[in-house]
Amino acid sequence: MASRFFLSIGCCMALAFQHVCADGGRLIATGGASSLEGAAGGGITPWAMLAGYGEQNEWGATAFATSVNLPDYRLDVAGLAVAYDNRVELSFARQRFDLGSLVNKLNLPDDHLDQDIYAIKVRLFGDVIYDTLPQVSVGLQYKHQNDFLIPSLVGARRDSDTEGYLAASRLFMGAAFGYNLLVNGSLRYSRANELGLLGFGGDRRDTRSVLKEGSLAVLLNPRWALGIEYRQKPDNLSFSGESDWSDLFVGYFPNKHVSMVLAYARLGEIATLDRQNGLYLSIQGGF
């Protein structure tokens, strides 16, 4: 089932390459990459920018595949996003979290967890470059955890939930020793445990929290970016602590139709296993 899904994503990426738009309009790299939850942005957090490079009355779309390899786990994500008028973005992502060594350690009934994420993002005002105000967008994500037995056993209260976020992004021209500097800050309202892969809410806390997220990226030239990200996490389960996430990434944007992100992700403790730090690789195709 998972292999068929990833194959379909690959077909969508091929179609995206065949139906490209003109290279005018928004600057290269201002479409961002694809976050783990499918929305346009960095790797672990969405940005205010929308998917693709469509401007007024134009469409933009992306398809992506991401893999995060950790000492004891593996996370694979694939998804699609479409945007219109540089105003509204719709996205879908499927996450598969392989539990690795935790299966034998805790004698678990399943060896992986799956989650589907349906989302909408709306640009409220501003522009990342061409306005006096930063680009500000609001997003809403509906998440459904498809394998709820394990999350329920560790104290999660529900298998699905809706969360929202507010993001602001700005590109400061020549602000980092002559290089362009992208700054993004977000506030998320959520009670998801490990993005929702371990369900929502818990025995310790079952209310949503306001969580901070941020990104800084230096555009070394129009095709290369170097940056860092941070994402605050809730701590709802007494079963295990939940660490805040961060990463150091390199983004490569050879043209407006493909992007690649390689990162070193520091994810800390996940489901009782500490030092879950490893490599993140994401490939996106779009127009």
Foldseek 3Di string as FASTA:
>chain_A
DVVVVVVVLVVVLVVQVVDDDDQDADFFCQQAAAEQFGFHPYHPDHALWGHFGDAAQGKKKKWKWKWWDWPFKIKIKIWMKMDGNRFKMKMKMKIKIFRGPVCVVVVDPDGIKMKIKIKMKGFDDDDQEDGPAFTKMKMKIKMFTPDQPQLVVQFADDRIDMKMKMKTKHWDQLPPVGWIKIKMKMWIWAQAAPNRSSHGAGPQGHGTDTWIKIKMWTDPDSFKIWIKIWTDDDARTPQDGFHTKMKTKMKGGPGSFKIKIKIWIAGADDRNDGRGIGIMIMIMGMD
